[in-house]
Amino acid sequence: MPGTVYSVPPIPPDPEHTTYVEGGGLRIGVEYRLLDDAELEANYQGEAMEEIQAHITGNVEDNGVSLHVESLDDGHEYLRFDCFESGPHYHYIEPSGEKQTIVDYDAAAMGDMLPWALNQLRTRLTPMLEYAGGGALLAKLDPAAVAATLDRVEKLAREAEASLAAQQTGARKTRGTS
């Protein structure tokens, strides 16, 4: 599997900016996420920060919708899709929480990441969960309920994108008139 393996856990979702939808044995969080150097510094220090910085060039400043796929049983996040504007990517997060694989998304070849991510959750959830170490979770999933959950997740994600677009348009208008 291509990607970069890290021995540090991902930055946790921000509960103030994450809406969760539960169903079918999963809990999926929809978060509008801002990732920047300050966020990295708030979550990583010492060797963990050195590991992160070894794979980053320049300053970090990105944002977009994140989808957090968690087990209802123990709350572990197995998959994350960061549909960021500049550096879209997704995560496989092992049950220990101490190892994750981050895979860059090729937006030039595959287009906008959010439709792709939602399609993967609808059509490739089983192999992706298995790869992340969530095989035991599969027997507990209710496919029809997961599908209904994904419909609600898509609605929330589209609303988050629309809200961002409106904020960016407003910011451009404000900058243009100053």
C-alpha atoms as a PDB file:
ATOM      1  CA  MET A   1       0.000   0.000   0.000  1.00  0.00           C
ATOM      2  CA  PRO A   2       1.455   3.364  -0.930  1.00  0.00           C
ATOM      3  CA  GLY A   3       1.520   6.106   1.631  1.00  0.00           C
ATOM      4  CA  THR A   4       3.573   7.392   4.496  1.00  0.00           C
ATOM      5  CA  VAL A   5       3.547   5.432   7.743  1.00  0.00           C
ATOM      6  CA  TYR A   6       3.663   7.454  10.955  1.00  0.00           C
ATOM      7  CA  SER A   7       4.131   6.154  14.482  1.00  0.00           C
ATOM      8  CA  VAL A   8       2.110   9.051  15.902  1.00  0.00           C
ATOM      9  CA  PRO A   9      -1.672   9.217  16.101  1.00  0.00           C
ATOM     10  CA  PRO A  10      -3.597  11.718  13.982  1.00  0.00           C
ATOM     11  CA  ILE A  11      -4.744  15.024  15.435  1.00  0.00           C
ATOM     12  CA  PRO A  12      -8.089  14.272  17.092  1.00  0.00           C
ATOM     13  CA  PRO A  13     -11.306  15.762  15.707  1.00  0.00           C
ATOM     14  CA  ASP A  14     -12.346  19.077  17.228  1.00  0.00           C
ATOM     15  CA  PRO A  15     -15.621  18.327  19.063  1.00  0.00           C
ATOM     16  CA  GLU A  16     -16.799  21.932  18.601  1.00  0.00           C
ATOM     17  CA  HIS A  17     -16.548  21.629  14.811  1.00  0.00           C
ATOM     18  CA  THR A  18     -17.562  17.992  14.299  1.00  0.00           C
ATOM     19  CA  THR A  19     -21.078  16.669  13.798  1.00  0.00           C
ATOM     20  CA  TYR A  20     -21.454  12.913  14.264  1.00  0.00           C
ATOM     21  CA  VAL A  21     -23.934  10.624  12.556  1.00  0.00           C
ATOM     22  CA  GLU A  22     -24.386   7.144  14.015  1.00  0.00           C
ATOM     23  CA  GLY A  23     -25.804   4.131  12.285  1.00  0.00           C
ATOM     24  CA  GLY A  24     -25.101   0.608  11.191  1.00  0.00           C
ATOM     25  CA  GLY A  25     -22.342   0.042  13.756  1.00  0.00           C
ATOM     26  CA  LEU A  26     -20.387   3.165  12.776  1.00  0.00           C
ATOM     27  CA  ARG A  27     -20.119   6.733  13.871  1.00  0.00           C
ATOM     28  CA  ILE A  28     -18.992   9.144  11.170  1.00  0.00           C
ATOM     29  CA  GLY A  29     -17.909  12.635  12.056  1.00  0.00           C
ATOM     30  CA  VAL A  30     -18.140  15.495   9.597  1.00  0.00           C
ATOM     31  CA  GLU A  31     -15.740  18.278  10.489  1.00  0.00           C
ATOM     32  CA  TYR A  32     -14.710  21.467   8.797  1.00  0.00           C
ATOM     33  CA  ARG A  33     -11.018  21.397   9.601  1.00  0.00           C
ATOM     34  CA  LEU A  34      -8.268  23.991   9.568  1.00  0.00           C
ATOM     35  CA  LEU A  35      -4.768  22.550   9.637  1.00  0.00           C
ATOM     36  CA  ASP A  36      -1.856  24.910  10.186  1.00  0.00           C
ATOM     37  CA  ASP A  37       1.475  25.077  11.965  1.00  0.00           C
ATOM     38  CA  ALA A  38      -0.203  26.181  15.219  1.00  0.00           C
ATOM     39  CA  GLU A  39      -2.507  23.133  15.138  1.00  0.00           C
ATOM     40  CA  LEU A  40       0.470  20.840  14.611  1.00  0.00           C
ATOM     41  CA  GLU A  41       2.373  22.469  17.494  1.00  0.00           C
ATOM     42  CA  ALA A  42      -0.654  22.149  19.773  1.00  0.00           C
ATOM     43  CA  ASN A  43      -0.811  18.388  19.140  1.00  0.00           C
ATOM     44  CA  TYR A  44       2.773  17.233  18.623  1.00  0.00           C
ATOM     45  CA  GLN A  45       5.979  17.880  20.543  1.00  0.00           C
ATOM     46  CA  GLY A  46       9.490  16.461  20.602  1.00  0.00           C
ATOM     47  CA  GLU A  47      10.088  13.318  18.556  1.00  0.00           C
ATOM     48  CA  ALA A  48       6.468  13.216  17.384  1.00  0.00           C
ATOM     49  CA  MET A  49       6.779  16.710  15.910  1.00  0.00           C
ATOM     50  CA  GLU A  50      10.128  15.807  14.340  1.00  0.00           C
ATOM     51  CA  GLU A  51       8.494  12.801  12.652  1.00  0.00           C
ATOM     52  CA  ILE A  52       5.684  14.965  11.277  1.00  0.00           C
ATOM     53  CA  GLN A  53       8.032  17.728  10.105  1.00  0.00           C
ATOM     54  CA  ALA A  54      10.270  15.213   8.313  1.00  0.00           C
ATOM     55  CA  HIS A  55       7.458  14.750   5.780  1.00  0.00           C
ATOM     56  CA  ILE A  56       6.395  18.389   5.414  1.00  0.00           C
ATOM     57  CA  THR A  57       7.916  21.034   3.214  1.00  0.00           C
ATOM     58  CA  GLY A  58       7.245  24.655   4.150  1.00  0.00           C
ATOM     59  CA  ASN A  59       4.468  26.016   6.302  1.00  0.00           C
ATOM     60  CA  VAL A  60       1.239  24.106   6.727  1.00  0.00           C
ATOM     61  CA  GLU A  61      -1.962  25.942   5.945  1.00  0.00           C
ATOM     62  CA  ASP A  62      -4.858  23.917   4.600  1.00  0.00           C
ATOM     63  CA  ASN A  63      -8.556  23.406   5.205  1.00  0.00           C
ATOM     64  CA  GLY A  64     -11.538  21.404   4.115  1.00  0.00           C
ATOM     65  CA  VAL A  65     -14.065  18.791   5.149  1.00  0.00           C
ATOM     66  CA  SER A  66     -12.819  15.789   7.121  1.00  0.00           C
ATOM     67  CA  LEU A  67     -14.759  12.555   7.481  1.00  0.00           C
ATOM     68  CA  HIS A  68     -13.922  10.494  10.592  1.00  0.00           C
ATOM     69  CA  VAL A  69     -15.010   6.827  10.462  1.00  0.00           C
ATOM     70  CA  GLU A  70     -15.203   5.377  13.969  1.00  0.00           C
ATOM     71  CA  SER A  71     -16.400   2.211  15.670  1.00  0.00           C
ATOM     72  CA  LEU A  72     -19.498   2.623  17.811  1.00  0.00           C
ATOM     73  CA  ASP A  73     -18.126  -0.016  20.194  1.00  0.00           C
ATOM     74  CA  ASP A  74     -14.906   1.641  21.305  1.00  0.00           C
ATOM     75  CA  GLY A  75     -14.854   4.979  19.468  1.00  0.00           C
ATOM     76  CA  HIS A  76     -11.626   4.134  17.627  1.00  0.00           C
ATOM     77  CA  GLU A  77     -11.193   6.082  14.398  1.00  0.00           C
ATOM     78  CA  TYR A  78     -10.151   3.624  11.657  1.00  0.00           C
ATOM     79  CA  LEU A  79     -10.401   5.856   8.600  1.00  0.00           C
ATOM     80  CA  ARG A  80     -10.162   9.571   7.966  1.00  0.00           C
ATOM     81  CA  PHE A  81     -10.669  11.435   4.718  1.00  0.00           C
ATOM     82  CA  ASP A  82      -9.206  14.958   4.760  1.00  0.00           C
ATOM     83  CA  CYS A  83     -10.764  16.586   1.692  1.00  0.00           C
ATOM     84  CA  PHE A  84      -8.415  19.556   1.918  1.00  0.00           C
ATOM     85  CA  GLU A  85      -8.011  22.259  -0.692  1.00  0.00           C
ATOM     86  CA  SER A  86      -4.234  22.045  -1.115  1.00  0.00           C
ATOM     87  CA  GLY A  87      -3.182  18.637   0.184  1.00  0.00           C
ATOM     88  CA  PRO A  88      -6.094  16.193   0.189  1.00  0.00           C
ATOM     89  CA  HIS A  89      -5.287  12.815   1.733  1.00  0.00           C
ATOM     90  CA  TYR A  90      -6.729   9.950   3.725  1.00  0.00           C
ATOM     91  CA  HIS A  91      -5.651   7.930   6.746  1.00  0.00           C
ATOM     92  CA  TYR A  92      -5.697   4.276   7.763  1.00  0.00           C
ATOM     93  CA  ILE A  93      -5.448   4.276  11.561  1.00  0.00           C
ATOM     94  CA  GLU A  94      -4.546   0.984  13.231  1.00  0.00           C
ATOM     95  CA  PRO A  95      -6.429  -0.092  16.387  1.00  0.00           C
ATOM     96  CA  SER A  96      -3.426   0.639  18.628  1.00  0.00           C
ATOM     97  CA  GLY A  97      -3.750   4.267  17.544  1.00  0.00           C
ATOM     98  CA  GLU A  98       0.035   4.376  17.447  1.00  0.00           C
ATOM     99  CA  LYS A  99       0.456   3.765  13.731  1.00  0.00           C
ATOM    100  CA  GLN A 100      -1.258   5.367  10.814  1.00  0.00           C
ATOM    101  CA  THR A 101      -0.723   5.385   7.088  1.00  0.00           C
ATOM    102  CA  ILE A 102      -1.457   8.612   5.238  1.00  0.00           C
ATOM    103  CA  VAL A 103      -2.104   8.335   1.520  1.00  0.00           C
ATOM    104  CA  ASP A 104      -1.985  11.438  -0.685  1.00  0.00           C
ATOM    105  CA  TYR A 105      -4.974  11.919  -2.956  1.00  0.00           C
ATOM    106  CA  ASP A 106      -4.279  12.835  -6.589  1.00  0.00           C
ATOM    107  CA  ALA A 107      -6.846  15.548  -7.279  1.00  0.00           C
ATOM    108  CA  ALA A 108      -5.386  16.269 -10.729  1.00  0.00           C
ATOM    109  CA  ALA A 109      -6.184  12.742 -11.871  1.00  0.00           C
ATOM    110  CA  MET A 110      -9.276  12.016  -9.786  1.00  0.00           C
ATOM    111  CA  GLY A 111     -10.997  15.387  -9.277  1.00  0.00           C
ATOM    112  CA  ASP A 112     -12.636  16.678  -6.123  1.00  0.00           C
ATOM    113  CA  MET A 113     -11.930  14.378  -3.191  1.00  0.00           C
ATOM    114  CA  LEU A 114     -15.263  14.576  -1.352  1.00  0.00           C
ATOM    115  CA  PRO A 115     -17.320  12.689  -3.989  1.00  0.00           C
ATOM    116  CA  TRP A 116     -14.511  10.135  -4.222  1.00  0.00           C
ATOM    117  CA  ALA A 117     -14.368   9.702  -0.426  1.00  0.00           C
ATOM    118  CA  LEU A 118     -18.133   9.218  -0.182  1.00  0.00           C
ATOM    119  CA  ASN A 119     -18.002   6.674  -3.006  1.00  0.00           C
ATOM    120  CA  GLN A 120     -15.221   4.755  -1.229  1.00  0.00           C
ATOM    121  CA  LEU A 121     -17.319   4.631   1.929  1.00  0.00           C
ATOM    122  CA  ARG A 122     -20.252   3.298  -0.091  1.00  0.00           C
ATOM    123  CA  THR A 123     -18.332   0.776  -2.189  1.00  0.00           C
ATOM    124  CA  ARG A 124     -14.954   0.039  -0.536  1.00  0.00           C
ATOM    125  CA  LEU A 125     -15.670   0.318   3.201  1.00  0.00           C
ATOM    126  CA  THR A 126     -15.035  -3.383   3.858  1.00  0.00           C
ATOM    127  CA  PRO A 127     -11.524  -3.623   2.359  1.00  0.00           C
ATOM    128  CA  MET A 128     -10.550  -0.234   3.742  1.00  0.00           C
ATOM    129  CA  LEU A 129     -11.608  -1.178   7.280  1.00  0.00           C
ATOM    130  CA  GLU A 130      -9.805  -4.511   6.945  1.00  0.00           C
ATOM    131  CA  TYR A 131      -6.626  -2.738   5.854  1.00  0.00           C
ATOM    132  CA  ALA A 132      -6.880  -0.398   8.848  1.00  0.00           C
ATOM    133  CA  GLY A 133      -7.203  -3.362  11.217  1.00  0.00           C
ATOM    134  CA  GLY A 134     -10.967  -3.100  11.667  1.00  0.00           C
ATOM    135  CA  GLY A 135     -11.856  -6.574  10.403  1.00  0.00           C
ATOM    136  CA  ALA A 136     -13.623  -7.490  13.665  1.00  0.00           C
ATOM    137  CA  LEU A 137     -15.905  -4.493  13.198  1.00  0.00           C
ATOM    138  CA  LEU A 138     -17.244  -5.782   9.881  1.00  0.00           C
ATOM    139  CA  ALA A 139     -19.451  -8.490  11.398  1.00  0.00           C
ATOM    140  CA  LYS A 140     -21.238  -5.805  13.434  1.00  0.00           C
ATOM    141  CA  LEU A 141     -22.083  -3.561  10.496  1.00  0.00           C
ATOM    142  CA  ASP A 142     -25.602  -3.241   9.102  1.00  0.00           C
ATOM    143  CA  PRO A 143     -25.100  -2.310   5.417  1.00  0.00           C
ATOM    144  CA  ALA A 144     -28.560  -0.727   4.993  1.00  0.00           C
ATOM    145  CA  ALA A 145     -28.100   1.421   8.097  1.00  0.00           C
ATOM    146  CA  VAL A 146     -24.571   2.376   6.999  1.00  0.00           C
ATOM    147  CA  ALA A 147     -25.977   3.478   3.616  1.00  0.00           C
ATOM    148  CA  ALA A 148     -28.581   5.666   5.334  1.00  0.00           C
ATOM    149  CA  THR A 149     -25.873   7.089   7.586  1.00  0.00           C
ATOM    150  CA  LEU A 150     -23.768   7.950   4.535  1.00  0.00           C
ATOM    151  CA  ASP A 151     -26.702   9.809   2.985  1.00  0.00           C
ATOM    152  CA  ARG A 152     -26.866  12.034   6.100  1.00  0.00           C
ATOM    153  CA  VAL A 153     -23.057  12.387   6.138  1.00  0.00           C
ATOM    154  CA  GLU A 154     -23.066  13.527   2.504  1.00  0.00           C
ATOM    155  CA  LYS A 155     -25.707  16.165   3.248  1.00  0.00           C
ATOM    156  CA  LEU A 156     -23.687  17.518   6.193  1.00  0.00           C
ATOM    157  CA  ALA A 157     -20.443  17.499   4.182  1.00  0.00           C
ATOM    158  CA  ARG A 158     -22.061  19.379   1.278  1.00  0.00           C
ATOM    159  CA  GLU A 159     -23.460  21.939   3.725  1.00  0.00           C
ATOM    160  CA  ALA A 160     -19.997  22.390   5.265  1.00  0.00           C
ATOM    161  CA  GLU A 161     -18.480  22.927   1.806  1.00  0.00           C
ATOM    162  CA  ALA A 162     -21.186  25.449   0.888  1.00  0.00           C
ATOM    163  CA  SER A 163     -20.644  27.310   4.157  1.00  0.00           C
ATOM    164  CA  LEU A 164     -16.908  27.480   3.455  1.00  0.00           C
ATOM    165  CA  ALA A 165     -17.500  28.746  -0.082  1.00  0.00           C
ATOM    166  CA  ALA A 166     -19.788  31.486   1.253  1.00  0.00           C
ATOM    167  CA  GLN A 167     -17.198  32.486   3.873  1.00  0.00           C
ATOM    168  CA  GLN A 168     -14.430  32.637   1.259  1.00  0.00           C
ATOM    169  CA  THR A 169     -16.582  34.711  -1.090  1.00  0.00           C
ATOM    170  CA  GLY A 170     -17.364  37.116   1.757  1.00  0.00           C
ATOM    171  CA  ALA A 171     -13.678  37.359   2.687  1.00  0.00           C
ATOM    172  CA  ARG A 172     -12.731  38.128  -0.937  1.00  0.00           C
ATOM    173  CA  LYS A 173     -15.398  40.851  -1.131  1.00  0.00           C
ATOM    174  CA  THR A 174     -14.173  42.358   2.154  1.00  0.00           C
ATOM    175  CA  ARG A 175     -10.554  42.346   0.968  1.00  0.00           C
ATOM    176  CA  GLY A 176     -11.572  43.843  -2.358  1.00  0.00           C
ATOM    177  CA  THR A 177     -13.313  46.826  -0.767  1.00  0.00           C
ATOM    178  CA  SER A 178     -10.660  47.748   1.802  1.00  0.00           C
END
